[in-house]
Amino acid sequence: MEERKLGVQLMVLPAGTTAKQALEMVYRGEIVLSPQQMRAAIECLQFENPKVSAVAVTHMDGQDFASALERAIERSKQPPLLNAPAPPELPAEELKKPFPNYRNNLRRY
């Protein structure tokens, strides 16, 4: 089940060969795939092998997710509690002035 094309042996892969197996045979030098077969194997690889990803596992201590979500929404509606006092408000005349156009970390000559 081999065919010759331009001096290179192209193999017809047996049924059931996965894209990963075909690509492994290519880089080991066991077979030579046609450009169409190579492209198809590369494109199919992501669908045949699952990606490794992180999964979060949590223990809710007997509470369901909906109640925890409701508590989080209520907490987000409250103003943040800060230890420092609020900065004094500046008068409008002060805010209308132009800002300085230099930065302290630049050299001035």
N, C-alpha and C. Protein backbone atom coordinates (compact mmCIF):
# COMPACT_ATOMS: atom_id res chain seq x y z
N MET A 1 0.82 -1.19 0.00
CA MET A 1 0.00 0.00 0.00
C MET A 1 0.86 1.25 0.00
N GLU A 2 1.91 1.23 -0.75
CA GLU A 2 2.77 2.39 -0.88
C GLU A 2 2.66 2.89 -2.30
N GLU A 3 2.84 4.17 -2.49
CA GLU A 3 2.87 4.71 -3.84
C GLU A 3 4.09 5.61 -3.95
N ARG A 4 4.64 5.68 -5.14
CA ARG A 4 5.83 6.50 -5.36
C ARG A 4 5.40 7.82 -5.98
N LYS A 5 5.98 8.90 -5.43
CA LYS A 5 5.68 10.22 -5.97
C LYS A 5 6.94 11.07 -5.82
N LEU A 6 7.51 11.45 -6.92
CA LEU A 6 8.71 12.29 -6.94
C LEU A 6 9.85 11.66 -6.13
N GLY A 7 10.01 10.36 -6.19
CA GLY A 7 11.12 9.70 -5.54
C GLY A 7 10.95 9.52 -4.04
N VAL A 8 9.79 9.85 -3.48
CA VAL A 8 9.54 9.72 -2.06
C VAL A 8 8.40 8.73 -1.87
N GLN A 9 8.57 7.81 -0.94
CA GLN A 9 7.52 6.85 -0.68
C GLN A 9 6.45 7.47 0.22
N LEU A 10 5.22 7.49 -0.27
CA LEU A 10 4.10 7.98 0.53
C LEU A 10 3.29 6.77 0.96
N MET A 11 3.02 6.67 2.24
CA MET A 11 2.30 5.52 2.76
C MET A 11 0.83 5.86 2.95
N VAL A 12 -0.02 4.86 2.75
CA VAL A 12 -1.41 4.96 3.14
C VAL A 12 -1.48 4.41 4.55
N LEU A 13 -1.90 5.24 5.47
CA LEU A 13 -1.91 4.85 6.88
C LEU A 13 -3.01 3.83 7.14
N PRO A 14 -2.76 2.87 8.02
CA PRO A 14 -3.81 1.90 8.35
C PRO A 14 -4.96 2.58 9.10
N ALA A 15 -6.13 2.00 8.98
CA ALA A 15 -7.31 2.55 9.66
C ALA A 15 -7.08 2.50 11.17
N GLY A 16 -7.52 3.54 11.85
CA GLY A 16 -7.38 3.60 13.29
C GLY A 16 -6.12 4.30 13.75
N THR A 17 -5.27 4.74 12.82
CA THR A 17 -4.07 5.48 13.21
C THR A 17 -4.48 6.89 13.58
N THR A 18 -4.07 7.33 14.75
CA THR A 18 -4.42 8.69 15.19
C THR A 18 -3.43 9.68 14.59
N ALA A 19 -3.80 10.96 14.66
CA ALA A 19 -2.94 12.01 14.15
C ALA A 19 -1.63 12.05 14.94
N LYS A 20 -1.71 11.83 16.22
CA LYS A 20 -0.50 11.85 17.05
C LYS A 20 0.44 10.71 16.66
N GLN A 21 -0.12 9.53 16.43
CA GLN A 21 0.71 8.40 16.03
C GLN A 21 1.35 8.66 14.67
N ALA A 22 0.60 9.24 13.74
CA ALA A 22 1.15 9.53 12.41
C ALA A 22 2.28 10.54 12.51
N LEU A 23 2.09 11.60 13.30
CA LEU A 23 3.14 12.61 13.44
C LEU A 23 4.36 12.05 14.16
N GLU A 24 4.16 11.14 15.11
CA GLU A 24 5.31 10.50 15.77
C GLU A 24 6.10 9.66 14.78
N MET A 25 5.39 8.95 13.88
CA MET A 25 6.09 8.15 12.87
C MET A 25 6.85 9.05 11.91
N VAL A 26 6.33 10.24 11.64
CA VAL A 26 7.02 11.17 10.75
C VAL A 26 8.31 11.65 11.38
N TYR A 27 8.27 12.10 12.64
CA TYR A 27 9.50 12.65 13.20
C TYR A 27 10.51 11.57 13.57
N ARG A 28 10.08 10.32 13.64
CA ARG A 28 11.05 9.24 13.83
C ARG A 28 11.64 8.78 12.50
N GLY A 29 11.10 9.30 11.39
CA GLY A 29 11.60 8.96 10.06
C GLY A 29 11.06 7.65 9.53
N GLU A 30 9.99 7.13 10.10
CA GLU A 30 9.43 5.85 9.65
C GLU A 30 8.58 6.01 8.41
N ILE A 31 7.88 7.13 8.27
CA ILE A 31 7.03 7.37 7.12
C ILE A 31 7.19 8.80 6.64
N VAL A 32 6.72 9.05 5.42
CA VAL A 32 6.66 10.41 4.87
C VAL A 32 5.22 10.65 4.47
N LEU A 33 4.61 11.68 5.03
CA LEU A 33 3.23 12.02 4.70
C LEU A 33 3.19 13.06 3.59
N SER A 34 2.12 13.03 2.83
CA SER A 34 1.93 14.06 1.81
C SER A 34 1.61 15.37 2.53
N PRO A 35 1.78 16.50 1.86
CA PRO A 35 1.44 17.78 2.52
C PRO A 35 0.00 17.84 3.02
N GLN A 36 -0.92 17.23 2.27
CA GLN A 36 -2.32 17.22 2.71
C GLN A 36 -2.50 16.36 3.96
N GLN A 37 -1.82 15.21 4.01
CA GLN A 37 -1.91 14.36 5.19
C GLN A 37 -1.28 15.04 6.40
N MET A 38 -0.16 15.71 6.18
CA MET A 38 0.52 16.39 7.28
C MET A 38 -0.38 17.50 7.83
N ARG A 39 -0.96 18.29 6.96
CA ARG A 39 -1.83 19.39 7.39
C ARG A 39 -3.05 18.85 8.15
N ALA A 40 -3.64 17.77 7.62
CA ALA A 40 -4.81 17.17 8.27
C ALA A 40 -4.44 16.62 9.65
N ALA A 41 -3.27 16.00 9.77
CA ALA A 41 -2.85 15.46 11.06
C ALA A 41 -2.63 16.58 12.07
N ILE A 42 -2.01 17.66 11.63
CA ILE A 42 -1.76 18.79 12.53
C ILE A 42 -3.07 19.41 12.99
N GLU A 43 -4.02 19.57 12.08
CA GLU A 43 -5.30 20.17 12.42
C GLU A 43 -6.14 19.26 13.33
N CYS A 44 -6.07 17.95 13.13
CA CYS A 44 -6.88 17.01 13.92
C CYS A 44 -6.30 16.75 15.30
N LEU A 45 -5.03 17.06 15.49
CA LEU A 45 -4.35 16.74 16.74
C LEU A 45 -5.05 17.35 17.95
N GLN A 46 -5.50 18.59 17.83
CA GLN A 46 -6.14 19.27 18.97
C GLN A 46 -7.49 18.65 19.34
N PHE A 47 -8.13 17.96 18.42
CA PHE A 47 -9.42 17.36 18.72
C PHE A 47 -9.29 15.93 19.23
N GLU A 48 -8.18 15.28 18.97
CA GLU A 48 -7.99 13.90 19.40
C GLU A 48 -7.40 13.79 20.80
N ASN A 49 -6.60 14.77 21.20
CA ASN A 49 -5.94 14.71 22.51
C ASN A 49 -6.43 15.86 23.37
N PRO A 50 -6.88 15.59 24.58
CA PRO A 50 -7.37 16.67 25.44
C PRO A 50 -6.23 17.54 25.94
N LYS A 51 -6.53 18.82 26.17
CA LYS A 51 -5.55 19.73 26.72
C LYS A 51 -5.48 19.55 28.23
N VAL A 52 -4.31 19.74 28.78
CA VAL A 52 -4.13 19.70 30.22
C VAL A 52 -4.45 21.09 30.74
N SER A 53 -5.36 21.18 31.69
CA SER A 53 -5.72 22.49 32.23
C SER A 53 -5.97 22.36 33.73
N ALA A 54 -5.98 23.49 34.39
CA ALA A 54 -6.19 23.51 35.83
C ALA A 54 -7.68 23.49 36.14
N VAL A 55 -8.02 22.82 37.20
CA VAL A 55 -9.41 22.74 37.65
C VAL A 55 -9.45 23.13 39.12
N ALA A 56 -10.33 24.05 39.45
CA ALA A 56 -10.46 24.48 40.84
C ALA A 56 -11.43 23.57 41.57
N VAL A 57 -11.04 23.14 42.76
CA VAL A 57 -11.89 22.30 43.59
C VAL A 57 -12.12 23.06 44.89
N THR A 58 -13.37 23.19 45.28
CA THR A 58 -13.67 23.92 46.50
C THR A 58 -14.64 23.12 47.36
N HIS A 59 -14.60 23.38 48.64
CA HIS A 59 -15.54 22.76 49.57
C HIS A 59 -16.39 23.87 50.15
N MET A 60 -17.69 23.76 49.98
CA MET A 60 -18.60 24.82 50.38
C MET A 60 -19.08 24.67 51.83
N ASP A 61 -18.64 23.69 52.57
CA ASP A 61 -19.04 23.47 53.96
C ASP A 61 -20.55 23.37 54.13
N GLY A 62 -21.16 22.60 53.30
CA GLY A 62 -22.59 22.38 53.41
C GLY A 62 -23.45 23.50 52.84
N GLN A 63 -22.85 24.51 52.23
CA GLN A 63 -23.61 25.61 51.64
C GLN A 63 -23.57 25.45 50.12
N ASP A 64 -24.62 25.87 49.49
CA ASP A 64 -24.65 25.75 48.04
C ASP A 64 -24.01 26.98 47.39
N PHE A 65 -23.71 26.87 46.12
CA PHE A 65 -23.03 27.93 45.39
C PHE A 65 -23.89 29.18 45.29
N ALA A 66 -25.18 29.01 45.12
CA ALA A 66 -26.08 30.16 44.96
C ALA A 66 -26.06 31.06 46.20
N SER A 67 -26.07 30.47 47.38
CA SER A 67 -26.05 31.31 48.59
C SER A 67 -24.71 32.02 48.75
N ALA A 68 -23.61 31.35 48.40
CA ALA A 68 -22.30 32.00 48.46
C ALA A 68 -22.23 33.15 47.46
N LEU A 69 -22.83 32.96 46.29
CA LEU A 69 -22.84 34.02 45.28
C LEU A 69 -23.66 35.21 45.75
N GLU A 70 -24.79 34.96 46.36
CA GLU A 70 -25.62 36.05 46.88
C GLU A 70 -24.88 36.85 47.94
N ARG A 71 -24.15 36.17 48.84
CA ARG A 71 -23.37 36.88 49.86
C ARG A 71 -22.28 37.74 49.22
N ALA A 72 -21.65 37.23 48.18
CA ALA A 72 -20.60 37.98 47.51
C ALA A 72 -21.17 39.21 46.82
N ILE A 73 -22.34 39.09 46.23
CA ILE A 73 -22.98 40.24 45.58
C ILE A 73 -23.33 41.30 46.61
N GLU A 74 -23.84 40.90 47.76
CA GLU A 74 -24.17 41.86 48.82
C GLU A 74 -22.92 42.56 49.33
N ARG A 75 -21.83 41.82 49.49
CA ARG A 75 -20.58 42.44 49.94
C ARG A 75 -20.07 43.45 48.93
N SER A 76 -20.26 43.18 47.63
CA SER A 76 -19.75 44.09 46.62
C SER A 76 -20.54 45.40 46.57
N LYS A 77 -21.76 45.41 47.08
CA LYS A 77 -22.58 46.62 47.09
C LYS A 77 -22.19 47.58 48.21
N GLN A 78 -21.53 47.08 49.24
CA GLN A 78 -21.12 47.91 50.37
C GLN A 78 -19.89 48.72 49.99
N PRO A 79 -19.77 49.95 50.51
CA PRO A 79 -18.56 50.72 50.21
C PRO A 79 -17.35 50.09 50.89
N PRO A 80 -16.19 50.21 50.27
CA PRO A 80 -15.01 49.60 50.88
C PRO A 80 -14.63 50.31 52.17
N LEU A 81 -14.19 49.54 53.13
CA LEU A 81 -13.76 50.09 54.41
C LEU A 81 -12.26 50.30 54.37
N LEU A 82 -11.85 51.54 54.51
CA LEU A 82 -10.43 51.86 54.49
C LEU A 82 -10.01 52.40 55.83
N ASN A 83 -8.78 52.21 56.20
CA ASN A 83 -8.27 52.70 57.47
C ASN A 83 -7.91 54.18 57.42
N ALA A 84 -7.59 54.69 56.26
CA ALA A 84 -7.17 56.08 56.14
C ALA A 84 -8.38 56.99 55.95
N PRO A 85 -8.31 58.23 56.44
CA PRO A 85 -9.40 59.16 56.21
C PRO A 85 -9.46 59.58 54.74
N ALA A 86 -10.60 60.05 54.32
CA ALA A 86 -10.77 60.47 52.93
C ALA A 86 -9.91 61.70 52.67
N PRO A 87 -9.32 61.81 51.49
CA PRO A 87 -8.50 62.97 51.18
C PRO A 87 -9.37 64.22 51.09
N PRO A 88 -8.82 65.37 51.42
CA PRO A 88 -9.62 66.59 51.36
C PRO A 88 -9.95 66.94 49.91
N GLU A 89 -11.13 67.44 49.72
CA GLU A 89 -11.53 67.83 48.37
C GLU A 89 -10.91 69.16 48.02
N LEU A 90 -10.45 69.27 46.78
CA LEU A 90 -9.83 70.49 46.31
C LEU A 90 -10.88 71.39 45.68
N PRO A 91 -10.69 72.72 45.76
CA PRO A 91 -11.64 73.62 45.11
C PRO A 91 -11.53 73.50 43.58
N ALA A 92 -12.59 73.89 42.90
CA ALA A 92 -12.64 73.78 41.45
C ALA A 92 -11.55 74.61 40.78
N GLU A 93 -11.20 75.77 41.35
CA GLU A 93 -10.16 76.60 40.75
C GLU A 93 -8.82 75.87 40.71
N GLU A 94 -8.56 75.10 41.76
CA GLU A 94 -7.30 74.35 41.82
C GLU A 94 -7.27 73.25 40.77
N LEU A 95 -8.40 72.62 40.54
CA LEU A 95 -8.45 71.52 39.59
C LEU A 95 -8.41 71.99 38.14
N LYS A 96 -8.77 73.24 37.88
CA LYS A 96 -8.79 73.75 36.51
C LYS A 96 -7.41 74.15 36.02
N LYS A 97 -6.43 74.26 36.91
CA LYS A 97 -5.08 74.64 36.52
C LYS A 97 -4.45 73.50 35.71
N PRO A 98 -3.52 73.84 34.82
CA PRO A 98 -2.86 72.77 34.04
C PRO A 98 -1.93 71.94 34.93
N PHE A 99 -1.85 70.67 34.60
CA PHE A 99 -0.95 69.79 35.33
C PHE A 99 0.48 70.03 34.88
N PRO A 100 1.45 69.76 35.72
CA PRO A 100 2.84 69.91 35.28
C PRO A 100 3.13 68.92 34.16
N ASN A 101 3.91 69.35 33.18
CA ASN A 101 4.15 68.49 32.01
C ASN A 101 5.50 67.79 32.09
N TYR A 102 6.05 67.65 33.23
CA TYR A 102 7.30 66.93 33.38
C TYR A 102 7.11 65.81 34.41
N ARG A 103 7.99 64.84 34.32
CA ARG A 103 7.96 63.74 35.27
C ARG A 103 9.23 63.79 36.10
N ASN A 104 9.14 63.45 37.33
CA ASN A 104 10.28 63.55 38.24
C ASN A 104 11.38 62.54 37.92
N ASN A 105 11.04 61.44 37.25
CA ASN A 105 12.07 60.43 37.01
C ASN A 105 12.83 60.68 35.70
N LEU A 106 12.56 61.78 35.00
CA LEU A 106 13.29 62.11 33.79
C LEU A 106 14.36 63.15 34.12
N ARG A 107 15.45 63.08 33.42
CA ARG A 107 16.52 64.06 33.63
C ARG A 107 16.12 65.38 32.98
N ARG A 108 16.40 66.44 33.66
CA ARG A 108 16.15 67.78 33.12
C ARG A 108 17.49 68.47 32.97
N TYR A 109 17.70 69.08 31.83
CA TYR A 109 18.96 69.80 31.58
C TYR A 109 18.74 71.27 31.63
